[in-house]
């Protein structure tokens, strides 16, 4: 199969791309910057020949035109950002930036992929990465988590619409829990970078940051092999299931959290 992946510079998407390539699939790997593109080309050159790297900034509509022209059987929209800060003291456009990348551009990518597959009359597969964090209430991270729950809701609705119309194109929602990729730590440490100066919420910066580091140190899974295995399994199925949630224990705990606190 031919598989296009956005946001695949490192971590889960990059390692999944390598494993898919080992299994004989052709990978169109998309990264944000030209420098990242060159670094990835250099990294994969010694041992891989069926990965093709493109510079695709998902907020650049000119870059997204590649989704209209390339032929792919599967697209995985994985690119996302995590900008934090107290919701009542966010710097201008911080919330908009999260929603621009995590929601609006994801919907644009899904739509472009769908239209590409319809035009080519194929039974294509669309995969989208959201997050279990979208279901949680985390101080000063609401800008990020609200964008992720919005994305999940969009995917739930599109799935129902595709089912209603008996479409041969499927959508699979990937909702990872906390894995140790470094993304959570960067988001936790940078959340006050996006807050306005001299607001009362900054008084609690150290307390909240320490608490969140302790929380993620406790719950983060150190490797994401289980998630990669689950994603590849569904990609290689003729009819993939709608939702992937890993790790299992975090999926269960999220359901309990919603029952108790919501």
C-alpha atoms as a PDB file:
ATOM      1  CA  UNK A   1       0.000   0.000   0.000  1.00  0.00           C
ATOM      2  CA  UNK A   2       0.915   3.647  -0.401  1.00  0.00           C
ATOM      3  CA  UNK A   3       0.643   5.524   2.900  1.00  0.00           C
ATOM      4  CA  UNK A   4       0.958   9.283   3.432  1.00  0.00           C
ATOM      5  CA  UNK A   5       1.735  10.479   6.973  1.00  0.00           C
ATOM      6  CA  UNK A   6       1.802  14.098   8.182  1.00  0.00           C
ATOM      7  CA  UNK A   7       3.714  15.208  11.262  1.00  0.00           C
ATOM      8  CA  UNK A   8       6.129  12.306  10.957  1.00  0.00           C
ATOM      9  CA  UNK A   9       9.388  14.014  11.892  1.00  0.00           C
ATOM     10  CA  UNK A  10       9.941  11.918  15.021  1.00  0.00           C
ATOM     11  CA  UNK A  11       8.278   9.826  17.695  1.00  0.00           C
ATOM     12  CA  UNK A  12       5.257   7.612  17.114  1.00  0.00           C
ATOM     13  CA  UNK A  13       4.538   8.563  13.497  1.00  0.00           C
ATOM     14  CA  UNK A  14       8.189   8.353  12.401  1.00  0.00           C
ATOM     15  CA  UNK A  15       8.798   4.976  14.038  1.00  0.00           C
ATOM     16  CA  UNK A  16       5.530   3.624  12.641  1.00  0.00           C
ATOM     17  CA  UNK A  17       6.573   4.810   9.180  1.00  0.00           C
ATOM     18  CA  UNK A  18       9.856   2.913   9.461  1.00  0.00           C
ATOM     19  CA  UNK A  19       8.050  -0.266  10.506  1.00  0.00           C
ATOM     20  CA  UNK A  20       5.514   0.070   7.683  1.00  0.00           C
ATOM     21  CA  UNK A  21       8.349   0.527   5.194  1.00  0.00           C
ATOM     22  CA  UNK A  22      10.040  -2.633   6.509  1.00  0.00           C
ATOM     23  CA  UNK A  23       6.794  -4.457   5.784  1.00  0.00           C
ATOM     24  CA  UNK A  24       6.973  -3.418   2.132  1.00  0.00           C
ATOM     25  CA  UNK A  25       4.640  -0.443   2.075  1.00  0.00           C
ATOM     26  CA  UNK A  26       5.511   2.762   0.218  1.00  0.00           C
ATOM     27  CA  UNK A  27       5.599   5.698   2.627  1.00  0.00           C
ATOM     28  CA  UNK A  28       5.145   9.380   1.850  1.00  0.00           C
ATOM     29  CA  UNK A  29       6.568  10.937   5.001  1.00  0.00           C
ATOM     30  CA  UNK A  30       5.700  14.600   5.565  1.00  0.00           C
ATOM     31  CA  UNK A  31       7.602  16.957   7.866  1.00  0.00           C
ATOM     32  CA  UNK A  32       7.278  20.605   8.783  1.00  0.00           C
ATOM     33  CA  UNK A  33      10.532  22.252   7.647  1.00  0.00           C
ATOM     34  CA  UNK A  34      13.108  21.808   4.866  1.00  0.00           C
ATOM     35  CA  UNK A  35      15.807  21.205   7.518  1.00  0.00           C
ATOM     36  CA  UNK A  36      13.744  18.385   9.013  1.00  0.00           C
ATOM     37  CA  UNK A  37      13.287  16.949   5.526  1.00  0.00           C
ATOM     38  CA  UNK A  38      17.028  16.886   4.897  1.00  0.00           C
ATOM     39  CA  UNK A  39      17.742  15.350   8.313  1.00  0.00           C
ATOM     40  CA  UNK A  40      15.211  12.554   7.757  1.00  0.00           C
ATOM     41  CA  UNK A  41      16.507  11.824   4.249  1.00  0.00           C
ATOM     42  CA  UNK A  42      19.996  11.461   5.708  1.00  0.00           C
ATOM     43  CA  UNK A  43      18.735   9.208   8.541  1.00  0.00           C
ATOM     44  CA  UNK A  44      16.833   6.761   6.347  1.00  0.00           C
ATOM     45  CA  UNK A  45      19.257   6.651   3.420  1.00  0.00           C
ATOM     46  CA  UNK A  46      21.463   3.812   4.715  1.00  0.00           C
ATOM     47  CA  UNK A  47      18.692   1.266   5.130  1.00  0.00           C
ATOM     48  CA  UNK A  48      15.471   2.288   3.434  1.00  0.00           C
ATOM     49  CA  UNK A  49      14.491   2.863  -0.161  1.00  0.00           C
ATOM     50  CA  UNK A  50      10.685   3.035  -0.129  1.00  0.00           C
ATOM     51  CA  UNK A  51      10.234   6.122   2.048  1.00  0.00           C
ATOM     52  CA  UNK A  52       9.774   9.405   0.202  1.00  0.00           C
ATOM     53  CA  UNK A  53      10.077  12.606   2.238  1.00  0.00           C
ATOM     54  CA  UNK A  54       8.162  15.823   1.580  1.00  0.00           C
ATOM     55  CA  UNK A  55       8.105  19.226   3.235  1.00  0.00           C
ATOM     56  CA  UNK A  56       4.444  19.753   4.169  1.00  0.00           C
ATOM     57  CA  UNK A  57       3.550  22.544   6.593  1.00  0.00           C
ATOM     58  CA  UNK A  58      -0.071  21.689   7.410  1.00  0.00           C
ATOM     59  CA  UNK A  59      -1.022  25.362   7.865  1.00  0.00           C
ATOM     60  CA  UNK A  60       0.330  26.209   4.404  1.00  0.00           C
ATOM     61  CA  UNK A  61      -2.441  25.631   1.868  1.00  0.00           C
ATOM     62  CA  UNK A  62       0.078  25.551  -0.989  1.00  0.00           C
ATOM     63  CA  UNK A  63       1.910  22.679   0.738  1.00  0.00           C
ATOM     64  CA  UNK A  64      -1.384  20.829   1.211  1.00  0.00           C
ATOM     65  CA  UNK A  65      -1.944  20.735  -2.560  1.00  0.00           C
ATOM     66  CA  UNK A  66       0.240  17.627  -2.538  1.00  0.00           C
ATOM     67  CA  UNK A  67      -2.710  15.787  -0.968  1.00  0.00           C
ATOM     68  CA  UNK A  68      -4.668  16.415  -4.153  1.00  0.00           C
ATOM     69  CA  UNK A  69      -1.998  15.088  -6.514  1.00  0.00           C
ATOM     70  CA  UNK A  70      -0.216  12.143  -4.849  1.00  0.00           C
ATOM     71  CA  UNK A  71      -1.808   8.707  -5.080  1.00  0.00           C
ATOM     72  CA  UNK A  72      -2.151   7.036  -1.681  1.00  0.00           C
ATOM     73  CA  UNK A  73      -4.331   4.271  -0.258  1.00  0.00           C
ATOM     74  CA  UNK A  74      -4.050   5.488   3.328  1.00  0.00           C
ATOM     75  CA  UNK A  75      -3.518   8.900   4.840  1.00  0.00           C
ATOM     76  CA  UNK A  76      -2.610   9.426   8.485  1.00  0.00           C
ATOM     77  CA  UNK A  77      -3.137  12.991   9.699  1.00  0.00           C
ATOM     78  CA  UNK A  78      -0.861  13.065  12.717  1.00  0.00           C
ATOM     79  CA  UNK A  79       0.499  16.629  12.839  1.00  0.00           C
ATOM     80  CA  UNK A  80      -0.479  18.634  15.901  1.00  0.00           C
ATOM     81  CA  UNK A  81       0.684  21.259  18.395  1.00  0.00           C
ATOM     82  CA  UNK A  82       0.263  21.783  22.146  1.00  0.00           C
ATOM     83  CA  UNK A  83       0.218  25.389  23.314  1.00  0.00           C
ATOM     84  CA  UNK A  84      -0.861  25.863  26.919  1.00  0.00           C
ATOM     85  CA  UNK A  85      -1.578  28.679  29.354  1.00  0.00           C
ATOM     86  CA  UNK A  86      -4.438  29.741  31.617  1.00  0.00           C
ATOM     87  CA  UNK A  87      -7.524  30.168  29.453  1.00  0.00           C
ATOM     88  CA  UNK A  88      -8.380  33.520  31.082  1.00  0.00           C
ATOM     89  CA  UNK A  89      -4.874  34.861  30.487  1.00  0.00           C
ATOM     90  CA  UNK A  90      -3.846  33.509  27.100  1.00  0.00           C
ATOM     91  CA  UNK A  91      -1.777  35.619  24.787  1.00  0.00           C
ATOM     92  CA  UNK A  92      -3.636  36.678  21.683  1.00  0.00           C
ATOM     93  CA  UNK A  93      -4.132  33.934  19.087  1.00  0.00           C
ATOM     94  CA  UNK A  94      -2.841  31.061  21.273  1.00  0.00           C
ATOM     95  CA  UNK A  95      -6.197  29.284  21.333  1.00  0.00           C
ATOM     96  CA  UNK A  96      -6.648  30.032  17.648  1.00  0.00           C
ATOM     97  CA  UNK A  97      -3.249  28.484  16.840  1.00  0.00           C
ATOM     98  CA  UNK A  98      -4.169  25.250  18.628  1.00  0.00           C
ATOM     99  CA  UNK A  99      -7.501  25.040  16.827  1.00  0.00           C
ATOM    100  CA  UNK A 100      -5.982  26.061  13.492  1.00  0.00           C
ATOM    101  CA  UNK A 101      -3.560  23.122  13.473  1.00  0.00           C
ATOM    102  CA  UNK A 102      -5.364  20.515  15.563  1.00  0.00           C
ATOM    103  CA  UNK A 103      -8.916  21.067  14.300  1.00  0.00           C
ATOM    104  CA  UNK A 104      -9.369  23.188  11.188  1.00  0.00           C
ATOM    105  CA  UNK A 105      -6.336  21.970   9.239  1.00  0.00           C
ATOM    106  CA  UNK A 106      -7.036  18.370  10.254  1.00  0.00           C
ATOM    107  CA  UNK A 107     -10.529  18.721   8.825  1.00  0.00           C
ATOM    108  CA  UNK A 108      -9.064  20.236   5.669  1.00  0.00           C
ATOM    109  CA  UNK A 109      -6.629  17.309   5.347  1.00  0.00           C
ATOM    110  CA  UNK A 110      -9.407  14.765   5.931  1.00  0.00           C
ATOM    111  CA  UNK A 111     -11.571  16.459   3.304  1.00  0.00           C
ATOM    112  CA  UNK A 112      -8.776  16.633   0.733  1.00  0.00           C
ATOM    113  CA  UNK A 113      -7.919  12.966   1.299  1.00  0.00           C
ATOM    114  CA  UNK A 114     -11.566  11.941   1.010  1.00  0.00           C
ATOM    115  CA  UNK A 115     -11.986  13.835  -2.261  1.00  0.00           C
ATOM    116  CA  UNK A 116      -8.734  12.359  -3.609  1.00  0.00           C
ATOM    117  CA  UNK A 117      -9.984   8.844  -2.849  1.00  0.00           C
ATOM    118  CA  UNK A 118     -13.434   9.532  -4.315  1.00  0.00           C
ATOM    119  CA  UNK A 119     -11.864  10.897  -7.504  1.00  0.00           C
ATOM    120  CA  UNK A 120      -9.727   7.767  -7.859  1.00  0.00           C
ATOM    121  CA  UNK A 121     -12.636   5.490  -6.880  1.00  0.00           C
ATOM    122  CA  UNK A 122     -10.675   3.559  -4.255  1.00  0.00           C
ATOM    123  CA  UNK A 123     -11.592   2.059  -0.887  1.00  0.00           C
ATOM    124  CA  UNK A 124      -9.260   4.389   0.973  1.00  0.00           C
ATOM    125  CA  UNK A 125      -8.502   4.642   4.681  1.00  0.00           C
ATOM    126  CA  UNK A 126      -8.144   7.836   6.703  1.00  0.00           C
ATOM    127  CA  UNK A 127      -6.427   7.803  10.106  1.00  0.00           C
ATOM    128  CA  UNK A 128      -6.455  10.823  12.435  1.00  0.00           C
ATOM    129  CA  UNK A 129      -4.524  11.353  15.687  1.00  0.00           C
ATOM    130  CA  UNK A 130      -6.337  13.046  18.566  1.00  0.00           C
ATOM    131  CA  UNK A 131      -5.622  12.360  22.268  1.00  0.00           C
ATOM    132  CA  UNK A 132      -7.156  10.853  25.386  1.00  0.00           C
ATOM    133  CA  UNK A 133      -6.083  14.085  27.073  1.00  0.00           C
ATOM    134  CA  UNK A 134      -9.033  15.734  25.349  1.00  0.00           C
ATOM    135  CA  UNK A 135     -11.345  14.035  27.843  1.00  0.00           C
ATOM    136  CA  UNK A 136      -9.408  15.321  30.880  1.00  0.00           C
ATOM    137  CA  UNK A 137      -9.462  18.628  32.731  1.00  0.00           C
ATOM    138  CA  UNK A 138      -5.859  19.803  33.113  1.00  0.00           C
ATOM    139  CA  UNK A 139      -5.082  23.238  34.524  1.00  0.00           C
ATOM    140  CA  UNK A 140      -3.433  25.582  32.038  1.00  0.00           C
ATOM    141  CA  UNK A 141      -3.601  22.989  29.252  1.00  0.00           C
ATOM    142  CA  UNK A 142      -7.213  23.627  28.278  1.00  0.00           C
ATOM    143  CA  UNK A 143      -6.199  25.346  25.060  1.00  0.00           C
ATOM    144  CA  UNK A 144      -4.676  22.064  23.896  1.00  0.00           C
ATOM    145  CA  UNK A 145      -7.178  19.607  25.379  1.00  0.00           C
ATOM    146  CA  UNK A 146     -10.202  21.506  24.054  1.00  0.00           C
ATOM    147  CA  UNK A 147      -8.797  21.361  20.535  1.00  0.00           C
ATOM    148  CA  UNK A 148      -8.298  17.608  20.838  1.00  0.00           C
ATOM    149  CA  UNK A 149     -11.811  16.889  22.096  1.00  0.00           C
ATOM    150  CA  UNK A 150     -13.128  19.018  19.231  1.00  0.00           C
ATOM    151  CA  UNK A 151     -11.099  16.939  16.772  1.00  0.00           C
ATOM    152  CA  UNK A 152     -12.363  13.680  18.287  1.00  0.00           C
ATOM    153  CA  UNK A 153     -15.958  14.900  18.003  1.00  0.00           C
ATOM    154  CA  UNK A 154     -15.393  15.822  14.355  1.00  0.00           C
ATOM    155  CA  UNK A 155     -14.072  12.315  13.689  1.00  0.00           C
ATOM    156  CA  UNK A 156     -17.016  10.695  15.477  1.00  0.00           C
ATOM    157  CA  UNK A 157     -19.388  12.672  13.273  1.00  0.00           C
ATOM    158  CA  UNK A 158     -17.540  11.980  10.013  1.00  0.00           C
ATOM    159  CA  UNK A 159     -17.489   8.265  10.875  1.00  0.00           C
ATOM    160  CA  UNK A 160     -21.286   8.296  11.292  1.00  0.00           C
ATOM    161  CA  UNK A 161     -21.712  10.209   8.033  1.00  0.00           C
ATOM    162  CA  UNK A 162     -19.509   7.757   6.133  1.00  0.00           C
ATOM    163  CA  UNK A 163     -21.459   4.850   7.637  1.00  0.00           C
ATOM    164  CA  UNK A 164     -24.782   6.504   6.745  1.00  0.00           C
ATOM    165  CA  UNK A 165     -23.770   6.839   3.094  1.00  0.00           C
ATOM    166  CA  UNK A 166     -22.288   3.307   2.883  1.00  0.00           C
ATOM    167  CA  UNK A 167     -18.960   4.816   1.846  1.00  0.00           C
ATOM    168  CA  UNK A 168     -16.099   2.482   0.981  1.00  0.00           C
ATOM    169  CA  UNK A 169     -13.757   5.014   2.595  1.00  0.00           C
ATOM    170  CA  UNK A 170     -13.126   4.483   6.313  1.00  0.00           C
ATOM    171  CA  UNK A 171     -11.988   6.800   9.087  1.00  0.00           C
ATOM    172  CA  UNK A 172     -10.059   5.575  12.126  1.00  0.00           C
ATOM    173  CA  UNK A 173      -9.565   7.807  15.156  1.00  0.00           C
ATOM    174  CA  UNK A 174      -6.331   7.275  17.103  1.00  0.00           C
ATOM    175  CA  UNK A 175      -6.517   8.495  20.700  1.00  0.00           C
ATOM    176  CA  UNK A 176      -3.186   7.823  22.408  1.00  0.00           C
ATOM    177  CA  UNK A 177      -2.768   8.200  26.123  1.00  0.00           C
ATOM    178  CA  UNK A 178       0.431   9.442  27.748  1.00  0.00           C
ATOM    179  CA  UNK A 179       3.572   8.047  26.127  1.00  0.00           C
ATOM    180  CA  UNK A 180       7.082   9.261  26.894  1.00  0.00           C
ATOM    181  CA  UNK A 181       7.911  11.035  23.621  1.00  0.00           C
ATOM    182  CA  UNK A 182       8.931  14.375  25.166  1.00  0.00           C
ATOM    183  CA  UNK A 183       5.845  16.165  23.798  1.00  0.00           C
ATOM    184  CA  UNK A 184       4.109  16.336  27.192  1.00  0.00           C
ATOM    185  CA  UNK A 185       7.183  17.694  28.954  1.00  0.00           C
ATOM    186  CA  UNK A 186       7.640  20.481  26.395  1.00  0.00           C
ATOM    187  CA  UNK A 187       3.969  21.423  26.657  1.00  0.00           C
ATOM    188  CA  UNK A 188       4.070  21.470  30.478  1.00  0.00           C
ATOM    189  CA  UNK A 189       7.242  23.577  30.646  1.00  0.00           C
ATOM    190  CA  UNK A 190       6.164  26.054  27.964  1.00  0.00           C
ATOM    191  CA  UNK A 191       2.574  26.689  29.028  1.00  0.00           C
ATOM    192  CA  UNK A 192       3.314  30.046  30.705  1.00  0.00           C
ATOM    193  CA  UNK A 193       5.169  31.195  27.615  1.00  0.00           C
ATOM    194  CA  UNK A 194       1.731  31.738  26.101  1.00  0.00           C
ATOM    195  CA  UNK A 195       0.217  33.601  29.084  1.00  0.00           C
ATOM    196  CA  UNK A 196      -0.031  37.372  29.425  1.00  0.00           C
ATOM    197  CA  UNK A 197       2.290  39.104  31.889  1.00  0.00           C
ATOM    198  CA  UNK A 198       1.293  40.087  35.432  1.00  0.00           C
ATOM    199  CA  UNK A 199      -1.707  37.788  35.756  1.00  0.00           C
ATOM    200  CA  UNK A 200      -2.644  35.989  38.957  1.00  0.00           C
ATOM    201  CA  UNK A 201      -2.364  32.577  37.325  1.00  0.00           C
ATOM    202  CA  UNK A 202       1.422  32.936  37.057  1.00  0.00           C
ATOM    203  CA  UNK A 203       1.642  32.778  40.857  1.00  0.00           C
ATOM    204  CA  UNK A 204       0.758  29.079  40.603  1.00  0.00           C
ATOM    205  CA  UNK A 205       3.218  28.293  37.807  1.00  0.00           C
ATOM    206  CA  UNK A 206       5.734  26.319  39.853  1.00  0.00           C
ATOM    207  CA  UNK A 207       3.081  24.407  41.800  1.00  0.00           C
ATOM    208  CA  UNK A 208       1.119  23.330  38.715  1.00  0.00           C
ATOM    209  CA  UNK A 209       4.222  22.541  36.665  1.00  0.00           C
ATOM    210  CA  UNK A 210       5.630  20.307  39.412  1.00  0.00           C
ATOM    211  CA  UNK A 211       2.290  18.548  39.861  1.00  0.00           C
ATOM    212  CA  UNK A 212       1.938  17.880  36.142  1.00  0.00           C
ATOM    213  CA  UNK A 213       5.507  16.618  35.755  1.00  0.00           C
ATOM    214  CA  UNK A 214       4.882  14.222  38.650  1.00  0.00           C
ATOM    215  CA  UNK A 215       1.611  13.083  37.095  1.00  0.00           C
ATOM    216  CA  UNK A 216       3.087  12.365  33.678  1.00  0.00           C
ATOM    217  CA  UNK A 217       6.193  10.744  35.167  1.00  0.00           C
ATOM    218  CA  UNK A 218       3.818   8.388  36.954  1.00  0.00           C
ATOM    219  CA  UNK A 219       1.457   7.522  34.086  1.00  0.00           C
ATOM    220  CA  UNK A 220       3.547   7.825  30.928  1.00  0.00           C
ATOM    221  CA  UNK A 221       4.383   4.573  29.209  1.00  0.00           C
ATOM    222  CA  UNK A 222       8.057   4.453  28.311  1.00  0.00           C
ATOM    223  CA  UNK A 223       7.653   2.822  24.915  1.00  0.00           C
ATOM    224  CA  UNK A 224       4.861   2.951  22.368  1.00  0.00           C
ATOM    225  CA  UNK A 225       5.328  -0.405  20.645  1.00  0.00           C
ATOM    226  CA  UNK A 226       1.760  -1.403  21.566  1.00  0.00           C
ATOM    227  CA  UNK A 227       0.376   1.667  19.780  1.00  0.00           C
ATOM    228  CA  UNK A 228       2.513   1.118  16.675  1.00  0.00           C
ATOM    229  CA  UNK A 229       1.392  -2.526  16.523  1.00  0.00           C
ATOM    230  CA  UNK A 230      -2.273  -1.534  16.830  1.00  0.00           C
ATOM    231  CA  UNK A 231      -2.013   1.154  14.129  1.00  0.00           C
ATOM    232  CA  UNK A 232      -0.279  -1.145  11.647  1.00  0.00           C
ATOM    233  CA  UNK A 233      -2.777  -3.914  12.331  1.00  0.00           C
ATOM    234  CA  UNK A 234      -5.695  -1.625  11.461  1.00  0.00           C
ATOM    235  CA  UNK A 235      -3.954  -0.113   8.438  1.00  0.00           C
ATOM    236  CA  UNK A 236      -3.389  -3.552   6.967  1.00  0.00           C
ATOM    237  CA  UNK A 237      -6.992  -4.645   7.519  1.00  0.00           C
ATOM    238  CA  UNK A 238      -9.482  -4.481   4.680  1.00  0.00           C
ATOM    239  CA  UNK A 239     -11.964  -2.841   7.071  1.00  0.00           C
ATOM    240  CA  UNK A 240     -10.189  -1.128   9.978  1.00  0.00           C
ATOM    241  CA  UNK A 241     -12.064  -0.403  13.188  1.00  0.00           C
ATOM    242  CA  UNK A 242     -13.113   3.122  14.025  1.00  0.00           C
ATOM    243  CA  UNK A 243     -11.124   3.816  17.181  1.00  0.00           C
ATOM    244  CA  UNK A 244      -7.677   2.949  18.549  1.00  0.00           C
ATOM    245  CA  UNK A 245      -6.979   3.738  22.213  1.00  0.00           C
ATOM    246  CA  UNK A 246      -3.700   2.781  23.848  1.00  0.00           C
ATOM    247  CA  UNK A 247      -2.347   2.074  26.420  1.00  0.00           C
ATOM    248  CA  UNK A 248      -5.279  -0.059  27.538  1.00  0.00           C
ATOM    249  CA  UNK A 249      -4.989   0.864  31.227  1.00  0.00           C
ATOM    250  CA  UNK A 250      -5.115   4.583  30.417  1.00  0.00           C
ATOM    251  CA  UNK A 251      -8.164   4.052  28.217  1.00  0.00           C
ATOM    252  CA  UNK A 252      -9.914   2.318  31.119  1.00  0.00           C
ATOM    253  CA  UNK A 253      -8.874   5.017  33.583  1.00  0.00           C
ATOM    254  CA  UNK A 254     -10.183   7.731  31.244  1.00  0.00           C
ATOM    255  CA  UNK A 255     -13.582   6.028  31.115  1.00  0.00           C
ATOM    256  CA  UNK A 256     -13.637   5.850  34.928  1.00  0.00           C
ATOM    257  CA  UNK A 257     -12.632   9.501  35.175  1.00  0.00           C
ATOM    258  CA  UNK A 258     -15.540  10.506  32.936  1.00  0.00           C
ATOM    259  CA  UNK A 259     -17.982   8.428  34.997  1.00  0.00           C
ATOM    260  CA  UNK A 260     -16.834   9.905  38.299  1.00  0.00           C
ATOM    261  CA  UNK A 261     -16.020  13.530  37.481  1.00  0.00           C
ATOM    262  CA  UNK A 262     -18.236  14.380  34.517  1.00  0.00           C
END
